[in-house]
């Protein structure tokens, strides 16, 4: 069942995104026969989601990478590879590429300071 409710002000976009990810997993059963079946599924799903799934909202790192700071080492490795590739094939780019980083601060209904 879908949990998406467009134009509802009190939805949590983070949990809605997570529900969508769960629904499109190949092992998602769609319907659980019991509460224990749901718990069994979530015992494997939640660790995968937090440690293996790469999230577009955090620059294709896992939540665990961002939480424990290991994203910085992985980001450096990505950036080094991208810059080396640019140096070998600059004709394939419009300009020197920048490797995305996770946002410094995130939150629900978080206001970013306007830059003047």
PDB file of N, CA and C in Angstrom:
ATOM      1  N   UNK A   1       0.846  -1.184   0.000  1.00  0.00           N
ATOM      2  CA  UNK A   1       0.000   0.000   0.000  1.00  0.00           C
ATOM      3  C   UNK A   1       0.888   1.243   0.000  1.00  0.00           C
ATOM      4  N   UNK A   2       0.470   2.236  -0.725  1.00  0.00           N
ATOM      5  CA  UNK A   2       1.238   3.471  -0.809  1.00  0.00           C
ATOM      6  C   UNK A   2       1.052   4.305   0.455  1.00  0.00           C
ATOM      7  N   UNK A   3       2.131   4.942   0.872  1.00  0.00           N
ATOM      8  CA  UNK A   3       2.068   5.866   2.010  1.00  0.00           C
ATOM      9  C   UNK A   3       2.177   7.307   1.536  1.00  0.00           C
ATOM     10  N   UNK A   4       2.250   7.498   0.227  1.00  0.00           N
ATOM     11  CA  UNK A   4       2.387   8.849  -0.317  1.00  0.00           C
ATOM     12  C   UNK A   4       1.049   9.574  -0.290  1.00  0.00           C
ATOM     13  N   UNK A   5       1.076  10.792   0.224  1.00  0.00           N
ATOM     14  CA  UNK A   5      -0.129  11.624   0.262  1.00  0.00           C
ATOM     15  C   UNK A   5       0.274  13.023  -0.189  1.00  0.00           C
ATOM     16  N   UNK A   6       0.202  13.284  -1.489  1.00  0.00           N
ATOM     17  CA  UNK A   6       0.637  14.592  -1.980  1.00  0.00           C
ATOM     18  C   UNK A   6      -0.147  15.742  -1.362  1.00  0.00           C
ATOM     19  N   UNK A   7       0.530  16.841  -1.190  1.00  0.00           N
ATOM     20  CA  UNK A   7      -0.064  18.105  -0.699  1.00  0.00           C
ATOM     21  C   UNK A   7      -0.562  18.020   0.750  1.00  0.00           C
ATOM     22  N   UNK A   8      -0.025  17.086   1.524  1.00  0.00           N
ATOM     23  CA  UNK A   8      -0.368  17.009   2.942  1.00  0.00           C
ATOM     24  C   UNK A   8       0.803  17.613   3.708  1.00  0.00           C
ATOM     25  N   UNK A   9       0.541  18.610   4.500  1.00  0.00           N
ATOM     26  CA  UNK A   9       1.613  19.397   5.106  1.00  0.00           C
ATOM     27  C   UNK A   9       2.355  18.673   6.219  1.00  0.00           C
ATOM     28  N   UNK A  10       1.753  17.656   6.827  1.00  0.00           N
ATOM     29  CA  UNK A  10       2.417  17.041   7.971  1.00  0.00           C
ATOM     30  C   UNK A  10       3.114  15.728   7.619  1.00  0.00           C
ATOM     31  N   UNK A  11       3.320  15.440   6.341  1.00  0.00           N
ATOM     32  CA  UNK A  11       4.068  14.250   5.954  1.00  0.00           C
ATOM     33  C   UNK A  11       5.546  14.453   6.219  1.00  0.00           C
ATOM     34  N   UNK A  12       6.212  13.363   6.503  1.00  0.00           N
ATOM     35  CA  UNK A  12       7.647  13.376   6.720  1.00  0.00           C
ATOM     36  C   UNK A  12       8.308  12.902   5.422  1.00  0.00           C
ATOM     37  N   UNK A  13       8.978  13.782   4.686  1.00  0.00           N
ATOM     38  CA  UNK A  13       9.542  13.380   3.395  1.00  0.00           C
ATOM     39  C   UNK A  13      10.599  12.289   3.517  1.00  0.00           C
ATOM     40  N   UNK A  14      11.288  12.238   4.655  1.00  0.00           N
ATOM     41  CA  UNK A  14      12.316  11.213   4.842  1.00  0.00           C
ATOM     42  C   UNK A  14      11.677   9.828   4.973  1.00  0.00           C
ATOM     43  N   UNK A  15      10.629   9.727   5.778  1.00  0.00           N
ATOM     44  CA  UNK A  15       9.987   8.420   5.920  1.00  0.00           C
ATOM     45  C   UNK A  15       9.242   8.037   4.646  1.00  0.00           C
ATOM     46  N   UNK A  16       8.680   9.010   3.932  1.00  0.00           N
ATOM     47  CA  UNK A  16       7.994   8.701   2.676  1.00  0.00           C
ATOM     48  C   UNK A  16       8.988   8.148   1.658  1.00  0.00           C
ATOM     49  N   UNK A  17      10.162   8.718   1.603  1.00  0.00           N
ATOM     50  CA  UNK A  17      11.191   8.228   0.695  1.00  0.00           C
ATOM     51  C   UNK A  17      11.603   6.810   1.082  1.00  0.00           C
ATOM     52  N   UNK A  18      11.728   6.575   2.361  1.00  0.00           N
ATOM     53  CA  UNK A  18      12.105   5.238   2.840  1.00  0.00           C
ATOM     54  C   UNK A  18      11.036   4.219   2.482  1.00  0.00           C
ATOM     55  N   UNK A  19       9.757   4.563   2.643  1.00  0.00           N
ATOM     56  CA  UNK A  19       8.678   3.641   2.279  1.00  0.00           C
ATOM     57  C   UNK A  19       8.743   3.284   0.794  1.00  0.00           C
ATOM     58  N   UNK A  20       9.020   4.261  -0.037  1.00  0.00           N
ATOM     59  CA  UNK A  20       9.111   3.987  -1.466  1.00  0.00           C
ATOM     60  C   UNK A  20      10.264   3.034  -1.756  1.00  0.00           C
ATOM     61  N   UNK A  21      11.409   3.269  -1.126  1.00  0.00           N
ATOM     62  CA  UNK A  21      12.552   2.382  -1.312  1.00  0.00           C
ATOM     63  C   UNK A  21      12.190   0.962  -0.901  1.00  0.00           C
ATOM     64  N   UNK A  22      11.516   0.825   0.224  1.00  0.00           N
ATOM     65  CA  UNK A  22      11.124  -0.503   0.713  1.00  0.00           C
ATOM     66  C   UNK A  22      10.197  -1.201  -0.284  1.00  0.00           C
ATOM     67  N   UNK A  23       9.218  -0.466  -0.785  1.00  0.00           N
ATOM     68  CA  UNK A  23       8.228  -1.067  -1.687  1.00  0.00           C
ATOM     69  C   UNK A  23       8.836  -1.573  -2.986  1.00  0.00           C
ATOM     70  N   UNK A  24       9.919  -0.979  -3.436  1.00  0.00           N
ATOM     71  CA  UNK A  24      10.507  -1.363  -4.706  1.00  0.00           C
ATOM     72  C   UNK A  24      11.668  -2.349  -4.565  1.00  0.00           C
ATOM     73  N   UNK A  25      11.915  -2.826  -3.367  1.00  0.00           N
ATOM     74  CA  UNK A  25      12.932  -3.871  -3.172  1.00  0.00           C
ATOM     75  C   UNK A  25      12.401  -5.182  -3.750  1.00  0.00           C
ATOM     76  N   UNK A  26      13.259  -5.969  -4.406  1.00  0.00           N
ATOM     77  CA  UNK A  26      12.785  -7.215  -5.007  1.00  0.00           C
ATOM     78  C   UNK A  26      12.255  -8.230  -3.991  1.00  0.00           C
ATOM     79  N   UNK A  27      12.721  -8.154  -2.749  1.00  0.00           N
ATOM     80  CA  UNK A  27      12.266  -9.126  -1.751  1.00  0.00           C
ATOM     81  C   UNK A  27      11.089  -8.626  -0.909  1.00  0.00           C
ATOM     82  N   UNK A  28      10.551  -7.458  -1.247  1.00  0.00           N
ATOM     83  CA  UNK A  28       9.414  -6.925  -0.486  1.00  0.00           C
ATOM     84  C   UNK A  28       8.173  -7.761  -0.779  1.00  0.00           C
ATOM     85  N   UNK A  29       7.531  -8.312   0.256  1.00  0.00           N
ATOM     86  CA  UNK A  29       6.397  -9.210   0.014  1.00  0.00           C
ATOM     87  C   UNK A  29       5.092  -8.512  -0.354  1.00  0.00           C
ATOM     88  N   UNK A  30       4.999  -7.219  -0.149  1.00  0.00           N
ATOM     89  CA  UNK A  30       3.756  -6.514  -0.461  1.00  0.00           C
ATOM     90  C   UNK A  30       2.757  -6.585   0.667  1.00  0.00           C
ATOM     91  N   UNK A  31       2.485  -7.765   1.150  1.00  0.00           N
ATOM     92  CA  UNK A  31       1.567  -7.981   2.268  1.00  0.00           C
ATOM     93  C   UNK A  31       2.250  -8.941   3.231  1.00  0.00           C
ATOM     94  N   UNK A  32       2.185  -8.619   4.505  1.00  0.00           N
ATOM     95  CA  UNK A  32       2.740  -9.506   5.526  1.00  0.00           C
ATOM     96  C   UNK A  32       1.609 -10.320   6.131  1.00  0.00           C
ATOM     97  N   UNK A  33       1.829 -11.613   6.300  1.00  0.00           N
ATOM     98  CA  UNK A  33       0.801 -12.486   6.862  1.00  0.00           C
ATOM     99  C   UNK A  33       0.631 -12.306   8.362  1.00  0.00           C
ATOM    100  N   UNK A  34       1.661 -11.781   9.009  1.00  0.00           N
ATOM    101  CA  UNK A  34       1.572 -11.597  10.456  1.00  0.00           C
ATOM    102  C   UNK A  34       2.531 -10.494  10.888  1.00  0.00           C
ATOM    103  N   UNK A  35       2.367 -10.061  12.109  1.00  0.00           N
ATOM    104  CA  UNK A  35       3.270  -9.063  12.674  1.00  0.00           C
ATOM    105  C   UNK A  35       4.687  -9.622  12.726  1.00  0.00           C
ATOM    106  N   UNK A  36       4.828 -10.884  13.058  1.00  0.00           N
ATOM    107  CA  UNK A  36       6.158 -11.502  13.128  1.00  0.00           C
ATOM    108  C   UNK A  36       6.819 -11.538  11.749  1.00  0.00           C
ATOM    109  N   UNK A  37       6.035 -11.770  10.687  1.00  0.00           N
ATOM    110  CA  UNK A  37       6.591 -11.736   9.324  1.00  0.00           C
ATOM    111  C   UNK A  37       7.127 -10.345   8.995  1.00  0.00           C
ATOM    112  N   UNK A  38       6.397  -9.321   9.384  1.00  0.00           N
ATOM    113  CA  UNK A  38       6.843  -7.946   9.147  1.00  0.00           C
ATOM    114  C   UNK A  38       8.126  -7.666   9.926  1.00  0.00           C
ATOM    115  N   UNK A  39       8.169  -8.101  11.168  1.00  0.00           N
ATOM    116  CA  UNK A  39       9.373  -7.890  11.986  1.00  0.00           C
ATOM    117  C   UNK A  39      10.569  -8.632  11.407  1.00  0.00           C
ATOM    118  N   UNK A  40      10.359  -9.838  10.923  1.00  0.00           N
ATOM    119  CA  UNK A  40      11.439 -10.617  10.316  1.00  0.00           C
ATOM    120  C   UNK A  40      11.987  -9.897   9.094  1.00  0.00           C
ATOM    121  N   UNK A  41      11.095  -9.406   8.243  1.00  0.00           N
ATOM    122  CA  UNK A  41      11.533  -8.665   7.058  1.00  0.00           C
ATOM    123  C   UNK A  41      12.338  -7.437   7.464  1.00  0.00           C
ATOM    124  N   UNK A  42      11.843  -6.683   8.432  1.00  0.00           N
ATOM    125  CA  UNK A  42      12.509  -5.444   8.833  1.00  0.00           C
ATOM    126  C   UNK A  42      13.852  -5.687   9.518  1.00  0.00           C
ATOM    127  N   UNK A  43      14.039  -6.859  10.132  1.00  0.00           N
ATOM    128  CA  UNK A  43      15.329  -7.163  10.764  1.00  0.00           C
ATOM    129  C   UNK A  43      16.466  -7.197   9.745  1.00  0.00           C
ATOM    130  N   UNK A  44      16.168  -7.542   8.518  1.00  0.00           N
ATOM    131  CA  UNK A  44      17.215  -7.522   7.494  1.00  0.00           C
ATOM    132  C   UNK A  44      17.166  -6.236   6.663  1.00  0.00           C
ATOM    133  N   UNK A  45      15.969  -5.699   6.489  1.00  0.00           N
ATOM    134  CA  UNK A  45      15.821  -4.504   5.653  1.00  0.00           C
ATOM    135  C   UNK A  45      16.468  -3.269   6.282  1.00  0.00           C
ATOM    136  N   UNK A  46      16.217  -3.020   7.541  1.00  0.00           N
ATOM    137  CA  UNK A  46      16.709  -1.784   8.185  1.00  0.00           C
ATOM    138  C   UNK A  46      18.232  -1.708   8.180  1.00  0.00           C
ATOM    139  N   UNK A  47      18.958  -2.773   8.548  1.00  0.00           N
ATOM    140  CA  UNK A  47      20.429  -2.675   8.453  1.00  0.00           C
ATOM    141  C   UNK A  47      20.915  -2.440   7.018  1.00  0.00           C
ATOM    142  N   UNK A  48      20.272  -3.080   6.034  1.00  0.00           N
ATOM    143  CA  UNK A  48      20.643  -2.846   4.644  1.00  0.00           C
ATOM    144  C   UNK A  48      20.426  -1.373   4.281  1.00  0.00           C
ATOM    145  N   UNK A  49      19.266  -0.836   4.645  1.00  0.00           N
ATOM    146  CA  UNK A  49      18.915   0.544   4.309  1.00  0.00           C
ATOM    147  C   UNK A  49      19.908   1.523   4.929  1.00  0.00           C
ATOM    148  N   UNK A  50      20.326   1.264   6.151  1.00  0.00           N
ATOM    149  CA  UNK A  50      21.209   2.193   6.854  1.00  0.00           C
ATOM    150  C   UNK A  50      22.680   2.061   6.481  1.00  0.00           C
ATOM    151  N   UNK A  51      23.110   0.868   6.053  1.00  0.00           N
ATOM    152  CA  UNK A  51      24.538   0.669   5.826  1.00  0.00           C
ATOM    153  C   UNK A  51      24.933   0.410   4.378  1.00  0.00           C
ATOM    154  N   UNK A  52      24.033  -0.116   3.560  1.00  0.00           N
ATOM    155  CA  UNK A  52      24.396  -0.489   2.184  1.00  0.00           C
ATOM    156  C   UNK A  52      23.745   0.395   1.129  1.00  0.00           C
ATOM    157  N   UNK A  53      22.518   0.802   1.355  1.00  0.00           N
ATOM    158  CA  UNK A  53      21.782   1.580   0.358  1.00  0.00           C
ATOM    159  C   UNK A  53      22.389   2.969   0.235  1.00  0.00           C
ATOM    160  N   UNK A  54      22.700   3.354  -0.999  1.00  0.00           N
ATOM    161  CA  UNK A  54      23.283   4.672  -1.254  1.00  0.00           C
ATOM    162  C   UNK A  54      22.159   5.656  -1.556  1.00  0.00           C
ATOM    163  N   UNK A  55      22.065   6.707  -0.773  1.00  0.00           N
ATOM    164  CA  UNK A  55      20.966   7.659  -0.840  1.00  0.00           C
ATOM    165  C   UNK A  55      21.327   8.876  -1.677  1.00  0.00           C
ATOM    166  N   UNK A  56      20.478   9.207  -2.625  1.00  0.00           N
ATOM    167  CA  UNK A  56      20.742  10.385  -3.451  1.00  0.00           C
ATOM    168  C   UNK A  56      20.730  11.656  -2.611  1.00  0.00           C
ATOM    169  N   UNK A  57      19.936  11.676  -1.555  1.00  0.00           N
ATOM    170  CA  UNK A  57      19.849  12.862  -0.707  1.00  0.00           C
ATOM    171  C   UNK A  57      21.089  13.134   0.115  1.00  0.00           C
ATOM    172  N   UNK A  58      21.968  12.140   0.248  1.00  0.00           N
ATOM    173  CA  UNK A  58      23.229  12.341   0.964  1.00  0.00           C
ATOM    174  C   UNK A  58      24.400  12.008   0.034  1.00  0.00           C
ATOM    175  N   UNK A  59      24.279  12.487  -1.216  1.00  0.00           N
ATOM    176  CA  UNK A  59      25.354  12.406  -2.211  1.00  0.00           C
ATOM    177  C   UNK A  59      25.806  10.972  -2.488  1.00  0.00           C
ATOM    178  N   UNK A  60      24.867  10.055  -2.476  1.00  0.00           N
ATOM    179  CA  UNK A  60      25.118   8.640  -2.755  1.00  0.00           C
ATOM    180  C   UNK A  60      26.051   7.976  -1.740  1.00  0.00           C
ATOM    181  N   UNK A  61      25.918   8.409  -0.497  1.00  0.00           N
ATOM    182  CA  UNK A  61      26.548   7.714   0.628  1.00  0.00           C
ATOM    183  C   UNK A  61      25.438   7.042   1.411  1.00  0.00           C
ATOM    184  N   UNK A  62      25.807   6.135   2.297  1.00  0.00           N
ATOM    185  CA  UNK A  62      24.794   5.522   3.159  1.00  0.00           C
ATOM    186  C   UNK A  62      24.607   6.401   4.397  1.00  0.00           C
ATOM    187  N   UNK A  63      23.454   6.276   5.068  1.00  0.00           N
ATOM    188  CA  UNK A  63      23.281   7.036   6.307  1.00  0.00           C
ATOM    189  C   UNK A  63      24.385   6.740   7.331  1.00  0.00           C
ATOM    190  N   UNK A  64      24.831   5.494   7.388  1.00  0.00           N
ATOM    191  CA  UNK A  64      25.903   5.147   8.337  1.00  0.00           C
ATOM    192  C   UNK A  64      27.195   5.870   7.984  1.00  0.00           C
ATOM    193  N   UNK A  65      27.507   5.983   6.689  1.00  0.00           N
ATOM    194  CA  UNK A  65      28.702   6.727   6.268  1.00  0.00           C
ATOM    195  C   UNK A  65      28.657   8.161   6.775  1.00  0.00           C
ATOM    196  N   UNK A  66      27.501   8.780   6.651  1.00  0.00           N
ATOM    197  CA  UNK A  66      27.357  10.177   7.069  1.00  0.00           C
ATOM    198  C   UNK A  66      27.387  10.270   8.591  1.00  0.00           C
ATOM    199  N   UNK A  67      26.713   9.342   9.256  1.00  0.00           N
ATOM    200  CA  UNK A  67      26.646   9.369  10.712  1.00  0.00           C
ATOM    201  C   UNK A  67      28.024   9.215  11.351  1.00  0.00           C
ATOM    202  N   UNK A  68      28.818   8.248  10.848  1.00  0.00           N
ATOM    203  CA  UNK A  68      30.110   7.995  11.495  1.00  0.00           C
ATOM    204  C   UNK A  68      31.282   8.754  10.865  1.00  0.00           C
ATOM    205  N   UNK A  69      31.013   9.519   9.802  1.00  0.00           N
ATOM    206  CA  UNK A  69      32.050  10.349   9.203  1.00  0.00           C
ATOM    207  C   UNK A  69      32.919   9.651   8.166  1.00  0.00           C
ATOM    208  N   UNK A  70      32.678   8.368   7.893  1.00  0.00           N
ATOM    209  CA  UNK A  70      33.504   7.671   6.904  1.00  0.00           C
ATOM    210  C   UNK A  70      33.258   8.182   5.493  1.00  0.00           C
ATOM    211  N   UNK A  71      32.195   8.965   5.310  1.00  0.00           N
ATOM    212  CA  UNK A  71      31.922   9.521   3.981  1.00  0.00           C
ATOM    213  C   UNK A  71      33.073  10.393   3.506  1.00  0.00           C
ATOM    214  N   UNK A  72      33.794  11.023   4.426  1.00  0.00           N
ATOM    215  CA  UNK A  72      34.873  11.934   4.042  1.00  0.00           C
ATOM    216  C   UNK A  72      35.991  11.204   3.298  1.00  0.00           C
ATOM    217  N   UNK A  73      36.370  10.041   3.781  1.00  0.00           N
ATOM    218  CA  UNK A  73      37.393   9.233   3.112  1.00  0.00           C
ATOM    219  C   UNK A  73      36.886   8.742   1.768  1.00  0.00           C
ATOM    220  N   UNK A  74      35.641   8.278   1.736  1.00  0.00           N
ATOM    221  CA  UNK A  74      35.045   7.793   0.489  1.00  0.00           C
ATOM    222  C   UNK A  74      34.889   8.928  -0.514  1.00  0.00           C
ATOM    223  N   UNK A  75      34.537  10.105  -0.028  1.00  0.00           N
ATOM    224  CA  UNK A  75      34.400  11.277  -0.904  1.00  0.00           C
ATOM    225  C   UNK A  75      35.748  11.612  -1.524  1.00  0.00           C
ATOM    226  N   UNK A  76      36.794  11.588  -0.738  1.00  0.00           N
ATOM    227  CA  UNK A  76      38.132  11.908  -1.256  1.00  0.00           C
ATOM    228  C   UNK A  76      38.534  10.915  -2.337  1.00  0.00           C
ATOM    229  N   UNK A  77      38.254   9.638  -2.101  1.00  0.00           N
ATOM    230  CA  UNK A  77      38.578   8.603  -3.092  1.00  0.00           C
ATOM    231  C   UNK A  77      37.783   8.822  -4.381  1.00  0.00           C
ATOM    232  N   UNK A  78      36.493   9.146  -4.260  1.00  0.00           N
ATOM    233  CA  UNK A  78      35.657   9.437  -5.436  1.00  0.00           C
ATOM    234  C   UNK A  78      36.183  10.644  -6.198  1.00  0.00           C
ATOM    235  N   UNK A  79      36.488  11.695  -5.440  1.00  0.00           N
ATOM    236  CA  UNK A  79      36.947  12.930  -6.072  1.00  0.00           C
ATOM    237  C   UNK A  79      38.280  12.716  -6.785  1.00  0.00           C
ATOM    238  N   UNK A  80      39.201  11.995  -6.152  1.00  0.00           N
ATOM    239  CA  UNK A  80      40.493  11.715  -6.791  1.00  0.00           C
ATOM    240  C   UNK A  80      40.287  10.976  -8.114  1.00  0.00           C
ATOM    241  N   UNK A  81      39.429   9.967  -8.111  1.00  0.00           N
ATOM    242  CA  UNK A  81      39.174   9.197  -9.326  1.00  0.00           C
ATOM    243  C   UNK A  81      38.545  10.075 -10.408  1.00  0.00           C
ATOM    244  N   UNK A  82      37.581  10.911 -10.020  1.00  0.00           N
ATOM    245  CA  UNK A  82      36.914  11.779 -10.983  1.00  0.00           C
ATOM    246  C   UNK A  82      37.878  12.803 -11.574  1.00  0.00           C
ATOM    247  N   UNK A  83      38.725  13.361 -10.739  1.00  0.00           N
ATOM    248  CA  UNK A  83      39.687  14.359 -11.223  1.00  0.00           C
ATOM    249  C   UNK A  83      40.731  13.716 -12.136  1.00  0.00           C
ATOM    250  N   UNK A  84      41.181  12.505 -11.803  1.00  0.00           N
ATOM    251  CA  UNK A  84      42.116  11.799 -12.686  1.00  0.00           C
ATOM    252  C   UNK A  84      41.467  11.527 -14.038  1.00  0.00           C
ATOM    253  N   UNK A  85      40.210  11.130 -14.015  1.00  0.00           N
ATOM    254  CA  UNK A  85      39.498  10.869 -15.266  1.00  0.00           C
ATOM    255  C   UNK A  85      39.366  12.152 -16.090  1.00  0.00           C
ATOM    256  N   UNK A  86      39.058  13.246 -15.418  1.00  0.00           N
ATOM    257  CA  UNK A  86      38.965  14.534 -16.115  1.00  0.00           C
ATOM    258  C   UNK A  86      40.310  14.893 -16.760  1.00  0.00           C
ATOM    259  N   UNK A  87      41.398  14.690 -16.002  1.00  0.00           N
ATOM    260  CA  UNK A  87      42.719  15.032 -16.529  1.00  0.00           C
ATOM    261  C   UNK A  87      43.061  14.207 -17.775  1.00  0.00           C
ATOM    262  N   UNK A  88      42.600  12.968 -17.835  1.00  0.00           N
ATOM    263  CA  UNK A  88      42.863  12.110 -18.999  1.00  0.00           C
ATOM    264  C   UNK A  88      41.923  12.404 -20.166  1.00  0.00           C
ATOM    265  N   UNK A  89      40.694  12.837 -19.871  1.00  0.00           N
ATOM    266  CA  UNK A  89      39.679  13.026 -20.913  1.00  0.00           C
ATOM    267  C   UNK A  89      38.902  14.333 -20.722  1.00  0.00           C
ATOM    268  N   UNK A  90      39.562  15.471 -20.752  1.00  0.00           N
ATOM    269  CA  UNK A  90      38.845  16.741 -20.517  1.00  0.00           C
ATOM    270  C   UNK A  90      37.798  17.038 -21.590  1.00  0.00           C
ATOM    271  N   UNK A  91      37.947  16.456 -22.768  1.00  0.00           N
ATOM    272  CA  UNK A  91      36.991  16.701 -23.847  1.00  0.00           C
ATOM    273  C   UNK A  91      35.611  16.132 -23.531  1.00  0.00           C
ATOM    274  N   UNK A  92      35.521  15.259 -22.564  1.00  0.00           N
ATOM    275  CA  UNK A  92      34.232  14.667 -22.203  1.00  0.00           C
ATOM    276  C   UNK A  92      33.456  15.497 -21.178  1.00  0.00           C
ATOM    277  N   UNK A  93      34.018  16.613 -20.764  1.00  0.00           N
ATOM    278  CA  UNK A  93      33.408  17.455 -19.739  1.00  0.00           C
ATOM    279  C   UNK A  93      33.255  18.876 -20.254  1.00  0.00           C
ATOM    280  N   UNK A  94      32.359  19.621 -19.657  1.00  0.00           N
ATOM    281  CA  UNK A  94      32.209  21.055 -19.973  1.00  0.00           C
ATOM    282  C   UNK A  94      33.122  21.905 -19.108  1.00  0.00           C
ATOM    283  N   UNK A  95      33.511  21.370 -18.005  1.00  0.00           N
ATOM    284  CA  UNK A  95      34.405  22.051 -17.079  1.00  0.00           C
ATOM    285  C   UNK A  95      34.853  21.042 -16.036  1.00  0.00           C
ATOM    286  N   UNK A  96      35.737  21.466 -15.142  1.00  0.00           N
ATOM    287  CA  UNK A  96      36.227  20.534 -14.121  1.00  0.00           C
ATOM    288  C   UNK A  96      35.051  20.102 -13.241  1.00  0.00           C
ATOM    289  N   UNK A  97      34.862  18.796 -13.077  1.00  0.00           N
ATOM    290  CA  UNK A  97      33.722  18.306 -12.284  1.00  0.00           C
ATOM    291  C   UNK A  97      33.940  18.493 -10.784  1.00  0.00           C
ATOM    292  N   UNK A  98      32.831  18.605 -10.085  1.00  0.00           N
ATOM    293  CA  UNK A  98      32.853  18.691  -8.619  1.00  0.00           C
ATOM    294  C   UNK A  98      32.137  17.467  -8.059  1.00  0.00           C
ATOM    295  N   UNK A  99      32.710  16.859  -7.070  1.00  0.00           N
ATOM    296  CA  UNK A  99      32.131  15.675  -6.446  1.00  0.00           C
ATOM    297  C   UNK A  99      31.199  16.122  -5.325  1.00  0.00           C
ATOM    298  N   UNK A 100      29.954  15.669  -5.380  1.00  0.00           N
ATOM    299  CA  UNK A 100      28.953  16.091  -4.400  1.00  0.00           C
ATOM    300  C   UNK A 100      29.313  15.641  -2.985  1.00  0.00           C
ATOM    301  N   UNK A 101      28.911  16.457  -2.019  1.00  0.00           N
ATOM    302  CA  UNK A 101      29.063  16.146  -0.591  1.00  0.00           C
ATOM    303  C   UNK A 101      27.690  16.177   0.047  1.00  0.00           C
ATOM    304  N   UNK A 102      27.508  15.453   1.158  1.00  0.00           N
ATOM    305  CA  UNK A 102      26.242  15.570   1.889  1.00  0.00           C
ATOM    306  C   UNK A 102      26.083  16.983   2.437  1.00  0.00           C
ATOM    307  N   UNK A 103      24.841  17.401   2.633  1.00  0.00           N
ATOM    308  CA  UNK A 103      24.573  18.721   3.215  1.00  0.00           C
ATOM    309  C   UNK A 103      25.121  18.779   4.640  1.00  0.00           C
ATOM    310  N   UNK A 104      25.534  19.953   5.043  1.00  0.00           N
ATOM    311  CA  UNK A 104      26.047  20.145   6.406  1.00  0.00           C
ATOM    312  C   UNK A 104      24.959  19.944   7.455  1.00  0.00           C
ATOM    313  N   UNK A 105      23.760  20.491   7.172  1.00  0.00           N
ATOM    314  CA  UNK A 105      22.649  20.420   8.120  1.00  0.00           C
ATOM    315  C   UNK A 105      21.409  19.985   7.354  1.00  0.00           C
ATOM    316  N   UNK A 106      20.669  19.045   7.928  1.00  0.00           N
ATOM    317  CA  UNK A 106      19.411  18.615   7.329  1.00  0.00           C
ATOM    318  C   UNK A 106      18.354  18.532   8.415  1.00  0.00           C
ATOM    319  N   UNK A 107      17.105  18.565   8.005  1.00  0.00           N
ATOM    320  CA  UNK A 107      16.022  18.439   8.963  1.00  0.00           C
ATOM    321  C   UNK A 107      14.688  18.629   8.284  1.00  0.00           C
ATOM    322  N   UNK A 108      13.663  18.299   8.974  1.00  0.00           N
ATOM    323  CA  UNK A 108      12.318  18.477   8.470  1.00  0.00           C
ATOM    324  C   UNK A 108      11.911  19.923   8.728  1.00  0.00           C
ATOM    325  N   UNK A 109      11.379  20.581   7.707  1.00  0.00           N
ATOM    326  CA  UNK A 109      10.992  21.986   7.793  1.00  0.00           C
ATOM    327  C   UNK A 109      12.158  22.878   8.205  1.00  0.00           C
ATOM    328  N   UNK A 110      13.365  22.493   7.767  1.00  0.00           N
ATOM    329  CA  UNK A 110      14.580  23.237   8.090  1.00  0.00           C
ATOM    330  C   UNK A 110      14.715  24.427   7.134  1.00  0.00           C
ATOM    331  N   UNK A 111      14.917  25.579   7.672  1.00  0.00           N
ATOM    332  CA  UNK A 111      15.086  26.780   6.840  1.00  0.00           C
ATOM    333  C   UNK A 111      16.578  27.024   6.635  1.00  0.00           C
ATOM    334  N   UNK A 112      16.947  27.176   5.375  1.00  0.00           N
ATOM    335  CA  UNK A 112      18.329  27.517   5.080  1.00  0.00           C
ATOM    336  C   UNK A 112      18.461  29.032   5.129  1.00  0.00           C
ATOM    337  N   UNK A 113      19.589  29.499   5.656  1.00  0.00           N
ATOM    338  CA  UNK A 113      19.829  30.925   5.732  1.00  0.00           C
ATOM    339  C   UNK A 113      19.973  31.487   4.319  1.00  0.00           C
ATOM    340  N   UNK A 114      19.315  32.575   4.077  1.00  0.00           N
ATOM    341  CA  UNK A 114      19.408  33.225   2.763  1.00  0.00           C
ATOM    342  C   UNK A 114      20.780  33.862   2.637  1.00  0.00           C
ATOM    343  N   UNK A 115      21.399  33.675   1.484  1.00  0.00           N
ATOM    344  CA  UNK A 115      22.693  34.309   1.248  1.00  0.00           C
ATOM    345  C   UNK A 115      22.462  35.655   0.573  1.00  0.00           C
ATOM    346  N   UNK A 116      23.175  36.651   1.048  1.00  0.00           N
ATOM    347  CA  UNK A 116      23.010  38.004   0.518  1.00  0.00           C
ATOM    348  C   UNK A 116      24.062  38.295  -0.494  1.00  0.00           C
TER     349      UNK A 116
END
